[in-house]
Amino acid sequence: MGNTRKPGGGRKPTKPEYSASKNLAQQMEAAADLYADKMSLQSIADALSLNPIKVRKLLITAGIYESDTAKLVQRTFNAFRETQSYSASVTSTMSALRLSRPSVTSYLPYEKGVYFPEEAEAANISAGAERQRHYRAVVVLKKDPCEENLWKCVVAFRGYKFKTLSGLPFTYKLKKGREDEFTKELWIDRREDSKSLAWSSVMLAYHNIGKIGEVVDRPKALGDIRGVSYIYGMFYRFGLIDVPDKVKEKMGVKEH
C-alpha cells in the first residue's frame, strides 16, 4: 500500500501570503484616495493599472461613487434581491433594464471581503480606510444635513484629533449600551481628564447654525452651550460651518 496522505496535505499555495480580499481592499483604498483628489476614473485606472470599470466598481463598494445609472441598477437589483438569490436578481435586473450581465454587475458593489466597517475602531483599520470613512460621512452629511447623518458623522470620527478655536487638540470616545449600540453621549478626552458631552447639546448647537457652511466667528455664536468649544471644532471638520481665516491655521483639520 502507498503512504497514507496526512490530513491537510496536498498542493501548497504558490503564494501563501497572497489574499484576494486583502488585495481587493488595498485596490479600493488606493482608488478611493485618488478619487478624493478629483481624479477621473480613467486617470485612476491608468495610475493603478486597472480597467476603468473595475475602478468604478471599487468606488461603488467604497460608497463614494454615484450616478443615475448606478442608482437605477442598484435600486432595481435590491428590489429583486428581497425575494431572489444574488444570481437570479442579477438576471432579473438584466431583463428589466435590458442590460448585459457584465453591465449590471459593474454597477453593484463587491459582495464580500471589501468594505470600510463603520463600527470598526480606527486602530483596527488602515489610515486610508479611516480617511475614506471620514470622507464618506462628510459627503453624506453635506448632501443631506439631518440629525441621522450628523450622528453617523460623529460615529465615523470617534478617536479623530480635532482642535478647538485656540488650537488645543481633543478627541472623543463613544460607549456602547446593552444592545451593543453606541449611546448618544460623547466622552471628550483632553488628556488631563475626560468629560461627557450630551447629544442634546450637539443638536442644540446644530439647530443654531444659520446656514450650512457659513462662517461662524466664535463658539458662543452657536449658543451658550456646555462644551460648545468642542462642538465648534467638530462642526468645522464636518463641513457644517466655516471659520474666520485668521483661525483656520490653528484649527488646521482638513485631511487629504
C-alpha atoms as a PDB file:
ATOM      1  CA  MET A   1       0.000   0.000   0.000  1.00  0.00           C
ATOM      2  CA  GLY A   2       1.153   3.527  -0.652  1.00  0.00           C
ATOM      3  CA  ASN A   3       1.775   6.077   2.028  1.00  0.00           C
ATOM      4  CA  THR A   4      -1.347   7.375   3.733  1.00  0.00           C
ATOM      5  CA  ARG A   5      -1.956  11.044   2.988  1.00  0.00           C
ATOM      6  CA  LYS A   6      -1.641  13.244   6.030  1.00  0.00           C
ATOM      7  CA  PRO A   7      -4.580  15.448   6.971  1.00  0.00           C
ATOM      8  CA  GLY A   8      -4.133  18.887   5.488  1.00  0.00           C
ATOM      9  CA  GLY A   9      -1.769  17.588   2.880  1.00  0.00           C
ATOM     10  CA  GLY A  10      -1.909  18.419  -0.788  1.00  0.00           C
ATOM     11  CA  ARG A  11      -0.608  21.167  -3.012  1.00  0.00           C
ATOM     12  CA  LYS A  12       0.746  24.142  -1.144  1.00  0.00           C
ATOM     13  CA  PRO A  13      -0.269  27.582  -2.355  1.00  0.00           C
ATOM     14  CA  THR A  14       2.358  29.163  -4.587  1.00  0.00           C
ATOM     15  CA  LYS A  15       1.830  32.477  -2.814  1.00  0.00           C
ATOM     16  CA  PRO A  16       0.807  31.700   0.773  1.00  0.00           C
ATOM     17  CA  GLU A  17       0.964  35.395   1.656  1.00  0.00           C
ATOM     18  CA  TYR A  18      -1.494  36.361  -1.075  1.00  0.00           C
ATOM     19  CA  SER A  19      -5.024  37.251  -0.048  1.00  0.00           C
ATOM     20  CA  ALA A  20      -7.542  38.096  -2.765  1.00  0.00           C
ATOM     21  CA  SER A  21      -9.797  40.002  -0.376  1.00  0.00           C
ATOM     22  CA  LYS A  22      -6.857  41.922   1.097  1.00  0.00           C
ATOM     23  CA  ASN A  23      -5.562  42.762  -2.370  1.00  0.00           C
ATOM     24  CA  LEU A  24      -9.012  43.964  -3.412  1.00  0.00           C
ATOM     25  CA  ALA A  25      -9.303  46.083  -0.270  1.00  0.00           C
ATOM     26  CA  GLN A  26      -5.943  47.690  -0.981  1.00  0.00           C
ATOM     27  CA  GLN A  27      -7.022  48.471  -4.548  1.00  0.00           C
ATOM     28  CA  MET A  28     -10.235  50.045  -3.295  1.00  0.00           C
ATOM     29  CA  GLU A  29      -8.376  52.121  -0.743  1.00  0.00           C
ATOM     30  CA  ALA A  30      -5.956  53.394  -3.380  1.00  0.00           C
ATOM     31  CA  ALA A  31      -8.765  54.153  -5.841  1.00  0.00           C
ATOM     32  CA  ALA A  32     -10.771  55.969  -3.188  1.00  0.00           C
ATOM     33  CA  ASP A  33      -7.786  58.113  -2.205  1.00  0.00           C
ATOM     34  CA  LEU A  34      -7.245  59.165  -5.826  1.00  0.00           C
ATOM     35  CA  TYR A  35     -10.955  59.774  -6.367  1.00  0.00           C
ATOM     36  CA  ALA A  36     -10.969  62.064  -3.328  1.00  0.00           C
ATOM     37  CA  ASP A  37      -8.302  64.079  -5.143  1.00  0.00           C
ATOM     38  CA  LYS A  38     -10.799  64.654  -8.004  1.00  0.00           C
ATOM     39  CA  MET A  39      -9.108  62.287 -10.467  1.00  0.00           C
ATOM     40  CA  SER A  40     -11.222  60.814 -13.269  1.00  0.00           C
ATOM     41  CA  LEU A  41     -11.975  57.086 -13.499  1.00  0.00           C
ATOM     42  CA  GLN A  42      -9.658  56.776 -16.488  1.00  0.00           C
ATOM     43  CA  SER A  43      -6.834  58.589 -14.684  1.00  0.00           C
ATOM     44  CA  ILE A  44      -7.253  56.361 -11.641  1.00  0.00           C
ATOM     45  CA  ALA A  45      -7.297  53.282 -13.869  1.00  0.00           C
ATOM     46  CA  ASP A  46      -4.092  54.398 -15.559  1.00  0.00           C
ATOM     47  CA  ALA A  47      -2.407  55.095 -12.220  1.00  0.00           C
ATOM     48  CA  LEU A  48      -3.370  51.705 -10.759  1.00  0.00           C
ATOM     49  CA  SER A  49      -3.116  49.670 -13.985  1.00  0.00           C
ATOM     50  CA  LEU A  50      -6.766  48.704 -13.731  1.00  0.00           C
ATOM     51  CA  ASN A  51      -9.780  48.764 -16.010  1.00  0.00           C
ATOM     52  CA  PRO A  52     -11.940  51.913 -15.501  1.00  0.00           C
ATOM     53  CA  ILE A  53     -14.973  49.664 -14.991  1.00  0.00           C
ATOM     54  CA  LYS A  54     -13.242  47.898 -12.109  1.00  0.00           C
ATOM     55  CA  VAL A  55     -12.264  51.276 -10.663  1.00  0.00           C
ATOM     56  CA  ARG A  56     -15.918  52.308 -10.732  1.00  0.00           C
ATOM     57  CA  LYS A  57     -16.966  49.075  -9.008  1.00  0.00           C
ATOM     58  CA  LEU A  58     -14.319  49.626  -6.332  1.00  0.00           C
ATOM     59  CA  LEU A  59     -15.603  53.160  -5.722  1.00  0.00           C
ATOM     60  CA  ILE A  60     -19.201  51.939  -5.606  1.00  0.00           C
ATOM     61  CA  THR A  61     -18.163  49.383  -2.998  1.00  0.00           C
ATOM     62  CA  ALA A  62     -16.483  52.152  -1.015  1.00  0.00           C
ATOM     63  CA  GLY A  63     -19.750  54.074  -1.145  1.00  0.00           C
ATOM     64  CA  ILE A  64     -18.281  57.214  -2.719  1.00  0.00           C
ATOM     65  CA  TYR A  65     -19.340  56.930  -6.364  1.00  0.00           C
ATOM     66  CA  GLU A  66     -22.808  57.826  -7.561  1.00  0.00           C
ATOM     67  CA  SER A  67     -24.517  58.210 -10.928  1.00  0.00           C
ATOM     68  CA  ASP A  68     -28.084  57.985 -12.195  1.00  0.00           C
ATOM     69  CA  THR A  69     -27.349  54.653 -13.870  1.00  0.00           C
ATOM     70  CA  ALA A  70     -25.697  53.228 -10.755  1.00  0.00           C
ATOM     71  CA  LYS A  71     -28.674  54.271  -8.621  1.00  0.00           C
ATOM     72  CA  LEU A  72     -31.152  52.735 -11.080  1.00  0.00           C
ATOM     73  CA  VAL A  73     -29.278  49.435 -11.306  1.00  0.00           C
ATOM     74  CA  GLN A  74     -28.806  49.166  -7.546  1.00  0.00           C
ATOM     75  CA  ARG A  75     -32.408  50.118  -6.781  1.00  0.00           C
ATOM     76  CA  THR A  76     -33.724  47.566  -9.288  1.00  0.00           C
ATOM     77  CA  PHE A  77     -31.342  44.860  -8.099  1.00  0.00           C
ATOM     78  CA  ASN A  78     -32.152  45.457  -4.418  1.00  0.00           C
ATOM     79  CA  ALA A  79     -35.877  45.183  -5.125  1.00  0.00           C
ATOM     80  CA  PHE A  80     -35.406  41.753  -6.731  1.00  0.00           C
ATOM     81  CA  ARG A  81     -32.901  40.717  -4.058  1.00  0.00           C
ATOM     82  CA  GLU A  82     -35.608  40.816  -1.385  1.00  0.00           C
ATOM     83  CA  THR A  83     -37.115  37.640  -2.813  1.00  0.00           C
ATOM     84  CA  GLN A  84     -34.434  36.177  -5.096  1.00  0.00           C
ATOM     85  CA  SER A  85     -30.884  34.880  -4.889  1.00  0.00           C
ATOM     86  CA  TYR A  86     -27.990  37.103  -5.926  1.00  0.00           C
ATOM     87  CA  SER A  87     -27.616  35.438  -9.325  1.00  0.00           C
ATOM     88  CA  ALA A  88     -31.351  35.458 -10.017  1.00  0.00           C
ATOM     89  CA  SER A  89     -31.565  39.121  -9.015  1.00  0.00           C
ATOM     90  CA  VAL A  90     -28.829  39.982 -11.500  1.00  0.00           C
ATOM     91  CA  THR A  91     -30.699  38.096 -14.235  1.00  0.00           C
ATOM     92  CA  SER A  92     -33.973  39.849 -13.376  1.00  0.00           C
ATOM     93  CA  THR A  93     -32.238  43.232 -13.389  1.00  0.00           C
ATOM     94  CA  MET A  94     -30.748  42.440 -16.797  1.00  0.00           C
ATOM     95  CA  SER A  95     -34.209  41.712 -18.152  1.00  0.00           C
ATOM     96  CA  ALA A  96     -35.882  44.712 -16.534  1.00  0.00           C
ATOM     97  CA  LEU A  97     -33.264  47.238 -17.681  1.00  0.00           C
ATOM     98  CA  ARG A  98     -32.193  45.466 -20.886  1.00  0.00           C
ATOM     99  CA  LEU A  99     -28.557  45.385 -19.848  1.00  0.00           C
ATOM    100  CA  SER A 100     -25.895  42.690 -20.133  1.00  0.00           C
ATOM    101  CA  ARG A 101     -24.762  40.761 -17.069  1.00  0.00           C
ATOM    102  CA  PRO A 102     -21.335  42.497 -17.016  1.00  0.00           C
ATOM    103  CA  SER A 103     -23.075  45.880 -17.201  1.00  0.00           C
ATOM    104  CA  VAL A 104     -25.344  45.077 -14.266  1.00  0.00           C
ATOM    105  CA  THR A 105     -22.618  43.644 -12.038  1.00  0.00           C
ATOM    106  CA  SER A 106     -20.294  46.551 -12.833  1.00  0.00           C
ATOM    107  CA  TYR A 107     -22.728  48.878 -11.044  1.00  0.00           C
ATOM    108  CA  LEU A 108     -23.064  46.656  -7.973  1.00  0.00           C
ATOM    109  CA  PRO A 109     -20.660  46.619  -5.023  1.00  0.00           C
ATOM    110  CA  TYR A 110     -18.473  43.598  -4.419  1.00  0.00           C
ATOM    111  CA  GLU A 111     -20.411  41.004  -2.440  1.00  0.00           C
ATOM    112  CA  LYS A 112     -17.922  40.449   0.350  1.00  0.00           C
ATOM    113  CA  GLY A 113     -14.405  40.937   1.560  1.00  0.00           C
ATOM    114  CA  VAL A 114     -14.149  44.646   0.803  1.00  0.00           C
ATOM    115  CA  TYR A 115     -15.647  47.357   2.949  1.00  0.00           C
ATOM    116  CA  PHE A 116     -14.878  50.185   5.337  1.00  0.00           C
ATOM    117  CA  PRO A 117     -16.510  48.885   8.516  1.00  0.00           C
ATOM    118  CA  GLU A 118     -18.309  51.748  10.224  1.00  0.00           C
ATOM    119  CA  GLU A 119     -18.212  50.029  13.604  1.00  0.00           C
ATOM    120  CA  ALA A 120     -14.503  49.163  13.468  1.00  0.00           C
ATOM    121  CA  GLU A 121     -12.255  51.191  15.723  1.00  0.00           C
ATOM    122  CA  ALA A 122      -9.716  53.414  13.983  1.00  0.00           C
ATOM    123  CA  ALA A 123      -6.863  51.358  15.423  1.00  0.00           C
ATOM    124  CA  ASN A 124      -8.164  48.306  13.555  1.00  0.00           C
ATOM    125  CA  ILE A 125      -8.322  49.784  10.048  1.00  0.00           C
ATOM    126  CA  SER A 126      -5.736  51.370   7.783  1.00  0.00           C
ATOM    127  CA  ALA A 127      -5.147  55.108   7.663  1.00  0.00           C
ATOM    128  CA  GLY A 128      -6.510  55.190   4.119  1.00  0.00           C
ATOM    129  CA  ALA A 129      -9.677  53.352   5.125  1.00  0.00           C
ATOM    130  CA  GLU A 130     -10.132  55.747   8.016  1.00  0.00           C
ATOM    131  CA  ARG A 131      -9.733  58.766   5.726  1.00  0.00           C
ATOM    132  CA  GLN A 132     -12.352  57.394   3.367  1.00  0.00           C
ATOM    133  CA  ARG A 133     -14.709  56.671   6.254  1.00  0.00           C
ATOM    134  CA  HIS A 134     -14.401  60.335   7.192  1.00  0.00           C
ATOM    135  CA  TYR A 135     -14.766  61.461   3.585  1.00  0.00           C
ATOM    136  CA  ARG A 136     -17.930  59.438   3.026  1.00  0.00           C
ATOM    137  CA  ALA A 137     -19.530  60.620   6.273  1.00  0.00           C
ATOM    138  CA  VAL A 138     -18.886  64.289   5.452  1.00  0.00           C
ATOM    139  CA  VAL A 139     -20.156  63.936   1.872  1.00  0.00           C
ATOM    140  CA  VAL A 140     -23.381  62.306   3.067  1.00  0.00           C
ATOM    141  CA  LEU A 141     -23.887  64.960   5.763  1.00  0.00           C
ATOM    142  CA  LYS A 142     -23.349  67.841   3.332  1.00  0.00           C
ATOM    143  CA  LYS A 143     -25.715  66.266   0.823  1.00  0.00           C
ATOM    144  CA  ASP A 144     -28.425  65.711   3.410  1.00  0.00           C
ATOM    145  CA  PRO A 145     -27.781  67.613   6.658  1.00  0.00           C
ATOM    146  CA  CYS A 146     -30.036  65.955   9.209  1.00  0.00           C
ATOM    147  CA  GLU A 147     -29.741  64.511  12.691  1.00  0.00           C
ATOM    148  CA  GLU A 148     -29.281  60.935  11.452  1.00  0.00           C
ATOM    149  CA  ASN A 149     -26.373  61.832   9.169  1.00  0.00           C
ATOM    150  CA  LEU A 150     -24.823  64.085  11.798  1.00  0.00           C
ATOM    151  CA  TRP A 151     -24.818  61.149  14.207  1.00  0.00           C
ATOM    152  CA  LYS A 152     -23.238  58.918  11.558  1.00  0.00           C
ATOM    153  CA  CYS A 153     -20.539  61.549  11.153  1.00  0.00           C
ATOM    154  CA  VAL A 154     -19.954  61.573  14.908  1.00  0.00           C
ATOM    155  CA  VAL A 155     -19.630  57.782  14.893  1.00  0.00           C
ATOM    156  CA  ALA A 156     -17.206  57.859  11.945  1.00  0.00           C
ATOM    157  CA  PHE A 157     -14.938  60.442  13.589  1.00  0.00           C
ATOM    158  CA  ARG A 158     -14.576  58.884  17.035  1.00  0.00           C
ATOM    159  CA  GLY A 159     -10.901  58.920  18.011  1.00  0.00           C
ATOM    160  CA  TYR A 160     -10.108  61.671  15.484  1.00  0.00           C
ATOM    161  CA  LYS A 161      -7.917  64.533  16.734  1.00  0.00           C
ATOM    162  CA  PHE A 162      -9.925  67.749  16.464  1.00  0.00           C
ATOM    163  CA  LYS A 163      -8.824  71.216  17.511  1.00  0.00           C
ATOM    164  CA  THR A 164     -10.609  73.990  19.347  1.00  0.00           C
ATOM    165  CA  LEU A 165     -10.653  77.630  18.258  1.00  0.00           C
ATOM    166  CA  SER A 166      -7.414  78.201  20.179  1.00  0.00           C
ATOM    167  CA  GLY A 167      -5.725  75.187  18.596  1.00  0.00           C
ATOM    168  CA  LEU A 168      -5.957  72.819  21.563  1.00  0.00           C
ATOM    169  CA  PRO A 169      -6.330  69.181  20.430  1.00  0.00           C
ATOM    170  CA  PHE A 170      -9.042  66.850  21.688  1.00  0.00           C
ATOM    171  CA  THR A 171     -10.666  63.553  20.766  1.00  0.00           C
ATOM    172  CA  TYR A 172     -13.838  61.839  21.874  1.00  0.00           C
ATOM    173  CA  LYS A 173     -14.957  58.293  22.506  1.00  0.00           C
ATOM    174  CA  LEU A 174     -18.352  56.628  22.319  1.00  0.00           C
ATOM    175  CA  LYS A 175     -19.531  53.899  24.632  1.00  0.00           C
ATOM    176  CA  LYS A 176     -21.877  51.052  23.805  1.00  0.00           C
ATOM    177  CA  GLY A 177     -25.065  50.216  25.653  1.00  0.00           C
ATOM    178  CA  ARG A 178     -26.844  46.972  26.403  1.00  0.00           C
ATOM    179  CA  GLU A 179     -27.774  46.211  22.796  1.00  0.00           C
ATOM    180  CA  ASP A 180     -24.194  46.815  21.624  1.00  0.00           C
ATOM    181  CA  GLU A 181     -25.133  50.139  20.057  1.00  0.00           C
ATOM    182  CA  PHE A 182     -23.355  53.415  20.672  1.00  0.00           C
ATOM    183  CA  THR A 183     -25.011  55.561  23.314  1.00  0.00           C
ATOM    184  CA  LYS A 184     -25.583  59.153  22.310  1.00  0.00           C
ATOM    185  CA  GLU A 185     -23.057  60.689  24.652  1.00  0.00           C
ATOM    186  CA  LEU A 186     -19.566  61.819  23.654  1.00  0.00           C
ATOM    187  CA  TRP A 187     -16.692  61.445  26.098  1.00  0.00           C
ATOM    188  CA  ILE A 188     -14.243  64.255  25.414  1.00  0.00           C
ATOM    189  CA  ASP A 189     -10.595  63.411  26.087  1.00  0.00           C
ATOM    190  CA  ARG A 190      -8.344  66.390  26.793  1.00  0.00           C
ATOM    191  CA  ARG A 191      -5.563  64.249  28.324  1.00  0.00           C
ATOM    192  CA  GLU A 192      -5.807  65.687  31.804  1.00  0.00           C
ATOM    193  CA  ASP A 193      -9.383  64.453  32.216  1.00  0.00           C
ATOM    194  CA  SER A 194     -12.444  63.193  30.426  1.00  0.00           C
ATOM    195  CA  LYS A 195     -15.826  64.894  30.362  1.00  0.00           C
ATOM    196  CA  SER A 196     -19.126  63.990  28.815  1.00  0.00           C
ATOM    197  CA  LEU A 197     -20.871  65.929  26.065  1.00  0.00           C
ATOM    198  CA  ALA A 198     -24.584  65.285  25.732  1.00  0.00           C
ATOM    199  CA  TRP A 199     -26.054  64.661  22.285  1.00  0.00           C
ATOM    200  CA  SER A 200     -28.786  67.165  23.118  1.00  0.00           C
ATOM    201  CA  SER A 201     -26.093  69.860  23.381  1.00  0.00           C
ATOM    202  CA  VAL A 202     -24.711  68.927  19.960  1.00  0.00           C
ATOM    203  CA  MET A 203     -28.188  69.115  18.440  1.00  0.00           C
ATOM    204  CA  LEU A 204     -28.909  72.451  20.114  1.00  0.00           C
ATOM    205  CA  ALA A 205     -25.774  73.918  18.525  1.00  0.00           C
ATOM    206  CA  TYR A 206     -26.679  72.311  15.209  1.00  0.00           C
ATOM    207  CA  HIS A 207     -30.073  73.992  15.154  1.00  0.00           C
ATOM    208  CA  ASN A 208     -28.398  77.330  15.860  1.00  0.00           C
ATOM    209  CA  ILE A 209     -26.471  77.216  12.570  1.00  0.00           C
ATOM    210  CA  GLY A 210     -27.978  79.850  10.327  1.00  0.00           C
ATOM    211  CA  LYS A 211     -26.874  78.334   7.017  1.00  0.00           C
ATOM    212  CA  ILE A 212     -24.785  75.222   6.375  1.00  0.00           C
ATOM    213  CA  GLY A 213     -21.216  76.231   5.536  1.00  0.00           C
ATOM    214  CA  GLU A 214     -21.459  79.822   6.708  1.00  0.00           C
ATOM    215  CA  VAL A 215     -18.689  81.462   8.738  1.00  0.00           C
ATOM    216  CA  VAL A 216     -19.261  81.273  12.489  1.00  0.00           C
ATOM    217  CA  ASP A 217     -16.935  83.733  14.236  1.00  0.00           C
ATOM    218  CA  ARG A 218     -16.726  82.032  17.615  1.00  0.00           C
ATOM    219  CA  PRO A 219     -18.112  79.040  19.530  1.00  0.00           C
ATOM    220  CA  LYS A 220     -20.545  81.135  21.592  1.00  0.00           C
ATOM    221  CA  ALA A 221     -22.263  82.119  18.335  1.00  0.00           C
ATOM    222  CA  LEU A 222     -23.658  78.578  18.342  1.00  0.00           C
ATOM    223  CA  GLY A 223     -25.215  79.227  21.731  1.00  0.00           C
ATOM    224  CA  ASP A 224     -24.353  79.339  25.403  1.00  0.00           C
ATOM    225  CA  ILE A 225     -23.966  75.582  25.495  1.00  0.00           C
ATOM    226  CA  ARG A 226     -21.816  73.385  27.726  1.00  0.00           C
ATOM    227  CA  GLY A 227     -18.948  72.011  25.628  1.00  0.00           C
ATOM    228  CA  VAL A 228     -19.621  74.333  22.683  1.00  0.00           C
ATOM    229  CA  SER A 229     -15.875  74.902  22.125  1.00  0.00           C
ATOM    230  CA  TYR A 230     -15.595  71.210  21.234  1.00  0.00           C
ATOM    231  CA  ILE A 231     -18.746  71.240  19.118  1.00  0.00           C
ATOM    232  CA  TYR A 232     -17.331  74.217  17.198  1.00  0.00           C
ATOM    233  CA  GLY A 233     -14.217  72.228  16.243  1.00  0.00           C
ATOM    234  CA  MET A 234     -16.271  69.205  15.256  1.00  0.00           C
ATOM    235  CA  PHE A 235     -18.706  71.184  13.128  1.00  0.00           C
ATOM    236  CA  TYR A 236     -15.836  72.825  11.262  1.00  0.00           C
ATOM    237  CA  ARG A 237     -14.323  69.450  10.422  1.00  0.00           C
ATOM    238  CA  PHE A 238     -17.710  68.078   9.407  1.00  0.00           C
ATOM    239  CA  GLY A 239     -18.167  70.966   6.971  1.00  0.00           C
ATOM    240  CA  LEU A 240     -21.268  72.286   8.738  1.00  0.00           C
ATOM    241  CA  ILE A 241     -19.645  75.651   9.428  1.00  0.00           C
ATOM    242  CA  ASP A 242     -16.677  77.675   8.231  1.00  0.00           C
ATOM    243  CA  VAL A 243     -14.376  79.680  10.491  1.00  0.00           C
ATOM    244  CA  PRO A 244     -12.593  83.036  10.099  1.00  0.00           C
ATOM    245  CA  ASP A 245      -9.404  82.905   8.023  1.00  0.00           C
ATOM    246  CA  LYS A 246      -7.310  84.047  10.983  1.00  0.00           C
ATOM    247  CA  VAL A 247      -8.126  80.879  12.957  1.00  0.00           C
ATOM    248  CA  LYS A 248      -8.027  78.304  10.161  1.00  0.00           C
ATOM    249  CA  GLU A 249      -4.306  77.707  10.602  1.00  0.00           C
ATOM    250  CA  LYS A 250      -4.785  76.991  14.300  1.00  0.00           C
ATOM    251  CA  MET A 251      -7.598  74.620  13.580  1.00  0.00           C
ATOM    252  CA  GLY A 252      -5.921  73.042  10.505  1.00  0.00           C
ATOM    253  CA  VAL A 253      -8.081  69.963  10.419  1.00  0.00           C
ATOM    254  CA  LYS A 254      -8.528  69.131   6.763  1.00  0.00           C
ATOM    255  CA  GLU A 255      -7.457  65.654   5.641  1.00  0.00           C
ATOM    256  CA  HIS A 256      -6.169  64.910   2.178  1.00  0.00           C
END
